[in-house]
Amino acid sequence: MNNSLVKLKKIKKVYNHKNGIIEVLKNISLDIKEGDLVALVGPSGSGKSSLLHIIALLDKPNSGLVIFSGKDSKNLSEKERNDIRKKKNIYNISRQQFTF
């Protein structure tokens, strides 16, 4: 049984900036299963928010695959993307910073 919620395969995300191309995600692959607790940690500018936006189907990678509940996200309409966000409660992604 495949209980993957989202699979990322060789995700790449780049942004065009006035100083050149910024590659924030390079060859990212992961498999998040239903019920997994996942924490993304890293310094500012390391691509955490970019990755979260791709997982939440709010942004698209420049290359690679995002497979959500067995469906390639490239083939999903905006309505289907919204339905997945509501059904899977992935629109409720929060970001917190803790200082010790």
N, C-alpha and C. Protein backbone atom coordinates (compact mmCIF):
# COMPACT_ATOMS: atom_id res chain seq x y z
N MET A 1 0.85 -1.20 0.00
CA MET A 1 0.00 0.00 0.00
C MET A 1 0.88 1.25 0.00
N ASN A 2 0.58 2.17 -0.88
CA ASN A 2 1.34 3.41 -0.97
C ASN A 2 0.61 4.49 -0.18
N ASN A 3 1.19 4.85 0.98
CA ASN A 3 0.54 5.87 1.80
C ASN A 3 1.27 7.20 1.73
N SER A 4 1.94 7.45 0.61
CA SER A 4 2.63 8.73 0.44
C SER A 4 1.63 9.86 0.26
N LEU A 5 1.86 10.92 0.99
CA LEU A 5 1.07 12.13 0.82
C LEU A 5 1.65 12.94 -0.33
N VAL A 6 2.96 13.15 -0.26
CA VAL A 6 3.64 13.91 -1.31
C VAL A 6 5.03 13.33 -1.52
N LYS A 7 5.39 13.19 -2.78
CA LYS A 7 6.73 12.78 -3.16
C LYS A 7 7.33 13.87 -4.03
N LEU A 8 8.54 14.23 -3.72
CA LEU A 8 9.28 15.15 -4.55
C LEU A 8 10.43 14.39 -5.17
N LYS A 9 10.61 14.56 -6.47
CA LYS A 9 11.67 13.87 -7.18
C LYS A 9 12.51 14.88 -7.97
N LYS A 10 13.74 15.02 -7.54
CA LYS A 10 14.73 15.87 -8.23
C LYS A 10 14.20 17.29 -8.49
N ILE A 11 13.69 17.91 -7.44
CA ILE A 11 13.13 19.26 -7.53
C ILE A 11 14.24 20.30 -7.66
N LYS A 12 14.03 21.21 -8.58
CA LYS A 12 14.95 22.33 -8.76
C LYS A 12 14.10 23.60 -8.81
N LYS A 13 14.55 24.61 -8.08
CA LYS A 13 13.87 25.90 -8.10
C LYS A 13 14.92 27.00 -8.20
N VAL A 14 14.75 27.84 -9.20
CA VAL A 14 15.66 28.98 -9.39
C VAL A 14 14.84 30.25 -9.51
N TYR A 15 15.45 31.35 -9.11
CA TYR A 15 14.84 32.67 -9.24
C TYR A 15 15.79 33.55 -10.03
N ASN A 16 15.23 34.35 -10.90
CA ASN A 16 16.02 35.35 -11.62
C ASN A 16 16.09 36.60 -10.76
N HIS A 17 17.30 37.04 -10.51
CA HIS A 17 17.54 38.20 -9.67
C HIS A 17 18.38 39.19 -10.46
N LYS A 18 18.35 40.44 -10.09
CA LYS A 18 19.12 41.44 -10.82
C LYS A 18 20.62 41.13 -10.83
N ASN A 19 21.08 40.37 -9.83
CA ASN A 19 22.49 39.99 -9.76
C ASN A 19 22.76 38.63 -10.39
N GLY A 20 21.75 38.06 -11.01
CA GLY A 20 21.93 36.75 -11.65
C GLY A 20 20.92 35.73 -11.17
N ILE A 21 21.12 34.51 -11.57
CA ILE A 21 20.20 33.42 -11.22
C ILE A 21 20.56 32.89 -9.83
N ILE A 22 19.54 32.72 -8.99
CA ILE A 22 19.73 32.17 -7.66
C ILE A 22 19.09 30.79 -7.63
N GLU A 23 19.88 29.77 -7.43
CA GLU A 23 19.38 28.40 -7.35
C GLU A 23 19.16 28.07 -5.87
N VAL A 24 17.88 27.99 -5.47
CA VAL A 24 17.58 27.77 -4.05
C VAL A 24 17.33 26.30 -3.72
N LEU A 25 16.85 25.54 -4.68
CA LEU A 25 16.64 24.10 -4.48
C LEU A 25 17.31 23.36 -5.62
N LYS A 26 18.09 22.36 -5.27
CA LYS A 26 18.83 21.63 -6.28
C LYS A 26 18.75 20.13 -5.99
N ASN A 27 18.05 19.42 -6.88
CA ASN A 27 17.98 17.96 -6.80
C ASN A 27 17.40 17.46 -5.47
N ILE A 28 16.29 18.05 -5.04
CA ILE A 28 15.65 17.67 -3.77
C ILE A 28 14.66 16.54 -4.03
N SER A 29 14.83 15.45 -3.30
CA SER A 29 13.90 14.33 -3.37
C SER A 29 13.51 13.95 -1.94
N LEU A 30 12.22 13.73 -1.73
CA LEU A 30 11.75 13.26 -0.43
C LEU A 30 10.39 12.62 -0.58
N ASP A 31 10.01 11.88 0.43
CA ASP A 31 8.73 11.18 0.44
C ASP A 31 8.09 11.40 1.80
N ILE A 32 7.00 12.16 1.84
CA ILE A 32 6.28 12.42 3.08
C ILE A 32 5.03 11.56 3.09
N LYS A 33 4.89 10.75 4.11
CA LYS A 33 3.76 9.84 4.22
C LYS A 33 2.69 10.42 5.14
N GLU A 34 1.46 9.95 4.97
CA GLU A 34 0.36 10.37 5.84
C GLU A 34 0.78 10.18 7.30
N GLY A 35 0.59 11.21 8.12
CA GLY A 35 0.89 11.12 9.54
C GLY A 35 2.32 11.47 9.92
N ASP A 36 3.19 11.67 8.93
CA ASP A 36 4.58 12.05 9.23
C ASP A 36 4.62 13.44 9.87
N LEU A 37 5.54 13.60 10.78
CA LEU A 37 5.84 14.91 11.35
C LEU A 37 7.16 15.34 10.74
N VAL A 38 7.16 16.46 10.05
CA VAL A 38 8.33 16.90 9.31
C VAL A 38 8.72 18.29 9.79
N ALA A 39 10.02 18.47 10.02
CA ALA A 39 10.54 19.79 10.38
C ALA A 39 11.60 20.18 9.36
N LEU A 40 11.49 21.37 8.84
CA LEU A 40 12.50 21.93 7.95
C LEU A 40 13.26 22.99 8.73
N VAL A 41 14.54 22.81 8.84
CA VAL A 41 15.36 23.78 9.56
C VAL A 41 16.54 24.17 8.70
N GLY A 42 16.97 25.37 8.85
CA GLY A 42 18.13 25.85 8.11
C GLY A 42 18.23 27.35 8.23
N PRO A 43 19.35 27.87 7.80
CA PRO A 43 19.55 29.32 7.90
C PRO A 43 18.66 30.09 6.93
N SER A 44 18.55 31.36 7.18
CA SER A 44 17.80 32.24 6.30
C SER A 44 18.34 32.13 4.88
N GLY A 45 17.41 32.03 3.92
CA GLY A 45 17.82 31.98 2.52
C GLY A 45 18.19 30.61 2.01
N SER A 46 17.96 29.57 2.82
CA SER A 46 18.37 28.22 2.41
C SER A 46 17.32 27.50 1.57
N GLY A 47 16.13 28.09 1.39
CA GLY A 47 15.12 27.49 0.53
C GLY A 47 13.96 26.84 1.26
N LYS A 48 13.86 27.02 2.56
CA LYS A 48 12.77 26.40 3.34
C LYS A 48 11.40 26.85 2.85
N SER A 49 11.21 28.14 2.72
CA SER A 49 9.91 28.66 2.28
C SER A 49 9.60 28.24 0.84
N SER A 50 10.61 28.25 0.00
CA SER A 50 10.40 27.81 -1.39
C SER A 50 9.94 26.36 -1.43
N LEU A 51 10.57 25.52 -0.62
CA LEU A 51 10.18 24.11 -0.56
C LEU A 51 8.76 23.96 -0.02
N LEU A 52 8.43 24.70 1.03
CA LEU A 52 7.07 24.64 1.59
C LEU A 52 6.02 25.09 0.58
N HIS A 53 6.32 26.13 -0.19
CA HIS A 53 5.38 26.59 -1.21
C HIS A 53 5.17 25.53 -2.29
N ILE A 54 6.20 24.81 -2.64
CA ILE A 54 6.07 23.74 -3.63
C ILE A 54 5.27 22.59 -3.05
N ILE A 55 5.55 22.19 -1.81
CA ILE A 55 4.80 21.11 -1.16
C ILE A 55 3.33 21.47 -1.04
N ALA A 56 3.04 22.74 -0.74
CA ALA A 56 1.65 23.19 -0.57
C ALA A 56 0.97 23.50 -1.90
N LEU A 57 1.64 23.21 -3.00
CA LEU A 57 1.10 23.44 -4.34
C LEU A 57 0.79 24.90 -4.62
N LEU A 58 1.53 25.79 -3.95
CA LEU A 58 1.37 27.23 -4.17
C LEU A 58 2.34 27.75 -5.21
N ASP A 59 3.40 26.98 -5.48
CA ASP A 59 4.40 27.34 -6.46
C ASP A 59 4.81 26.07 -7.19
N LYS A 60 5.43 26.24 -8.34
CA LYS A 60 5.86 25.10 -9.14
C LYS A 60 7.38 25.09 -9.24
N PRO A 61 7.97 23.91 -9.22
CA PRO A 61 9.42 23.85 -9.41
C PRO A 61 9.78 24.14 -10.86
N ASN A 62 11.03 24.53 -11.10
CA ASN A 62 11.50 24.71 -12.47
C ASN A 62 11.68 23.37 -13.16
N SER A 63 12.04 22.36 -12.39
CA SER A 63 12.12 21.00 -12.93
C SER A 63 11.92 20.01 -11.78
N GLY A 64 11.66 18.77 -12.15
CA GLY A 64 11.40 17.73 -11.16
C GLY A 64 9.92 17.43 -11.07
N LEU A 65 9.60 16.45 -10.26
CA LEU A 65 8.22 16.00 -10.10
C LEU A 65 7.71 16.23 -8.69
N VAL A 66 6.47 16.67 -8.60
CA VAL A 66 5.75 16.75 -7.33
C VAL A 66 4.55 15.83 -7.50
N ILE A 67 4.54 14.74 -6.75
CA ILE A 67 3.47 13.76 -6.85
C ILE A 67 2.67 13.82 -5.56
N PHE A 68 1.42 14.21 -5.69
CA PHE A 68 0.55 14.41 -4.53
C PHE A 68 -0.54 13.37 -4.54
N SER A 69 -0.56 12.54 -3.52
CA SER A 69 -1.55 11.45 -3.41
C SER A 69 -1.60 10.63 -4.71
N GLY A 70 -0.43 10.35 -5.27
CA GLY A 70 -0.33 9.52 -6.46
C GLY A 70 -0.53 10.24 -7.78
N LYS A 71 -0.81 11.55 -7.74
CA LYS A 71 -1.05 12.31 -8.97
C LYS A 71 0.06 13.32 -9.20
N ASP A 72 0.56 13.36 -10.41
CA ASP A 72 1.57 14.35 -10.79
C ASP A 72 0.91 15.73 -10.74
N SER A 73 1.49 16.64 -9.98
CA SER A 73 0.88 17.96 -9.80
C SER A 73 0.83 18.76 -11.09
N LYS A 74 1.64 18.41 -12.07
CA LYS A 74 1.61 19.13 -13.35
C LYS A 74 0.27 18.95 -14.05
N ASN A 75 -0.42 17.86 -13.73
CA ASN A 75 -1.70 17.55 -14.38
C ASN A 75 -2.90 18.01 -13.57
N LEU A 76 -2.68 18.72 -12.47
CA LEU A 76 -3.78 19.16 -11.62
C LEU A 76 -4.25 20.55 -12.01
N SER A 77 -5.57 20.73 -12.06
CA SER A 77 -6.13 22.06 -12.28
C SER A 77 -6.00 22.87 -10.99
N GLU A 78 -6.23 24.16 -11.07
CA GLU A 78 -6.17 25.00 -9.87
C GLU A 78 -7.24 24.57 -8.86
N LYS A 79 -8.41 24.16 -9.35
CA LYS A 79 -9.46 23.67 -8.45
C LYS A 79 -8.99 22.41 -7.72
N GLU A 80 -8.35 21.49 -8.44
CA GLU A 80 -7.85 20.27 -7.81
C GLU A 80 -6.77 20.60 -6.78
N ARG A 81 -5.92 21.56 -7.09
CA ARG A 81 -4.89 21.99 -6.13
C ARG A 81 -5.55 22.54 -4.87
N ASN A 82 -6.55 23.39 -5.03
CA ASN A 82 -7.27 23.94 -3.88
C ASN A 82 -7.95 22.84 -3.07
N ASP A 83 -8.57 21.89 -3.76
CA ASP A 83 -9.24 20.78 -3.08
C ASP A 83 -8.25 19.96 -2.25
N ILE A 84 -7.07 19.70 -2.81
CA ILE A 84 -6.05 18.94 -2.08
C ILE A 84 -5.60 19.71 -0.85
N ARG A 85 -5.37 21.02 -0.99
CA ARG A 85 -4.95 21.83 0.16
C ARG A 85 -5.99 21.78 1.27
N LYS A 86 -7.26 21.87 0.90
CA LYS A 86 -8.32 21.83 1.92
C LYS A 86 -8.44 20.44 2.54
N LYS A 87 -8.46 19.41 1.70
CA LYS A 87 -8.66 18.04 2.19
C LYS A 87 -7.50 17.58 3.06
N LYS A 88 -6.29 17.92 2.67
CA LYS A 88 -5.11 17.46 3.40
C LYS A 88 -4.63 18.46 4.45
N ASN A 89 -5.32 19.60 4.57
CA ASN A 89 -5.00 20.62 5.57
C ASN A 89 -3.56 21.11 5.42
N ILE A 90 -3.08 21.22 4.20
CA ILE A 90 -1.70 21.67 4.02
C ILE A 90 -1.60 23.18 3.84
N TYR A 91 -2.72 23.85 3.83
CA TYR A 91 -2.66 25.31 3.77
C TYR A 91 -2.29 25.88 5.12
N ASN A 92 -2.31 25.05 6.15
CA ASN A 92 -2.03 25.49 7.51
C ASN A 92 -0.58 25.21 7.89
N ILE A 93 0.33 25.64 7.03
CA ILE A 93 1.76 25.47 7.30
C ILE A 93 2.23 26.70 8.05
N SER A 94 2.86 26.47 9.18
CA SER A 94 3.30 27.61 9.97
C SER A 94 4.82 27.64 10.05
N ARG A 95 5.30 28.81 10.35
CA ARG A 95 6.74 29.01 10.47
C ARG A 95 6.98 29.74 11.78
N GLN A 96 7.84 29.18 12.59
CA GLN A 96 8.16 29.81 13.86
C GLN A 96 9.66 29.86 14.04
N GLN A 97 10.10 30.89 14.70
CA GLN A 97 11.51 31.02 15.03
C GLN A 97 11.64 31.03 16.54
N PHE A 98 12.53 30.21 17.03
CA PHE A 98 12.75 30.14 18.46
C PHE A 98 14.17 30.62 18.76
N THR A 99 14.31 31.45 19.74
CA THR A 99 15.61 31.93 20.17
C THR A 99 15.85 31.44 21.59
N PHE A 100 16.98 30.82 21.79
CA PHE A 100 17.32 30.30 23.12
C PHE A 100 18.49 31.05 23.69
